[in-house]
Protein backbone atom coordinates (compact mmCIF):
# COMPACT_ATOMS: atom_id res chain seq x y z
CA MET A 1 23.59 -16.31 29.59
CA GLN A 2 20.06 -15.66 31.37
CA ARG A 3 18.34 -12.36 31.42
CA THR A 4 16.92 -11.01 34.41
CA ASN A 5 13.56 -9.02 34.92
CA THR A 6 14.75 -5.71 36.55
CA THR A 7 12.16 -2.93 37.62
CA ILE A 8 12.59 0.52 38.21
CA LEU A 9 10.10 2.94 40.11
CA VAL A 10 10.24 6.18 39.94
CA THR A 11 8.44 8.74 42.37
CA TYR A 12 7.02 12.18 41.62
CA SER A 13 5.95 14.77 44.01
CA LEU A 14 3.05 16.59 42.65
CA LYS A 15 3.20 20.98 42.89
CA CYS A 16 0.36 22.41 41.16
CA GLN A 17 -2.95 21.41 39.24
CA ILE A 18 -4.78 23.34 36.63
CA LYS A 19 -7.82 25.30 37.85
CA GLY A 20 -11.06 23.20 36.23
CA LEU A 21 -8.62 20.39 35.49
CA PRO A 22 -7.92 18.56 38.62
CA SER A 23 -6.60 15.52 36.75
CA TYR A 24 -3.80 17.53 35.22
CA GLN A 25 -0.97 18.25 37.78
CA PHE A 26 2.35 19.48 37.29
CA THR A 27 5.70 17.93 39.42
CA GLN A 28 8.19 19.73 41.01
CA CYS A 29 10.70 19.11 38.54
CA GLY A 30 7.90 20.57 35.68
CA LYS A 31 6.21 17.27 34.15
CA LEU A 32 2.58 17.44 33.44
CA PHE A 33 0.92 14.17 34.39
CA ASN A 34 -2.76 13.05 33.56
CA CYS A 35 -3.21 11.40 37.16
CA LYS A 36 -6.14 9.64 35.81
CA THR A 37 -4.42 7.48 33.46
CA GLY A 38 -1.05 7.75 35.13
CA ARG A 39 0.79 9.40 32.13
CA ILE A 40 2.89 11.89 31.22
CA LYS A 41 1.94 14.30 28.69
CA LYS A 42 4.26 15.35 26.33
CA GLN A 43 5.24 19.43 25.79
CA CYS A 44 4.60 20.21 22.10
CA LEU A 45 5.20 23.07 19.62
CA ASN A 46 1.95 24.16 18.02
CA VAL A 47 2.37 27.25 15.78
CA GLY A 48 5.41 28.89 17.49
CA SER A 49 3.94 28.21 20.88
CA TYR A 50 5.15 25.84 23.46
CA GLY A 51 2.19 23.86 25.75
CA TYR A 52 0.26 21.10 25.85
CA TRP A 53 -2.72 19.11 23.91
CA ILE A 54 -5.34 18.67 26.92
CA GLY A 55 -8.22 16.81 25.23
CA ARG A 56 -8.73 18.51 22.17
CA LYS A 57 -7.88 21.90 23.11
CA PHE A 58 -3.92 23.42 22.97
CA TYR A 59 -2.97 25.44 25.89
CA THR A 60 -0.04 27.43 25.82
CA LEU A 61 2.67 27.39 28.69
CA ARG A 62 1.33 31.08 29.28
CA GLU A 63 -2.28 30.24 29.74
CA LEU A 64 -1.24 27.54 32.15
CA ARG A 65 0.76 29.18 34.27
CA ASP A 66 -2.01 31.93 34.53
CA ASN A 67 -4.32 28.94 35.50
CA LEU A 68 -2.38 26.89 38.34
CA GLU A 69 -3.08 26.52 41.49
CA LYS A 70 -0.74 25.13 44.50
CA ILE A 71 -2.32 21.25 45.68
CA THR A 72 -3.40 21.74 49.14
CA GLN A 73 -2.95 18.51 51.41
CA GLU A 74 -6.25 17.60 52.95
CA THR A 75 -6.19 16.37 56.64
CA CYS A 76 -7.70 13.38 57.65
CA PRO A 77 -10.00 14.02 61.05
CA PHE A 78 -9.44 10.33 61.87
């Protein structure tokens, strides 16, 4: 029996980004992406608080909610 290679492609719509860290963006389903590397960041539990490690700093979900901004679509004049 021969095995065939199968490729699955998933597309996410980005909704908002973190102020001061534009390379970290959230999708509509709530996943955090590092857009520079193209990887999904995993949510962690640190000292009783849920959040994300970005660089060497831990951001709680409450801190992130206060620092989110919607992504605006830039229009190309050409």
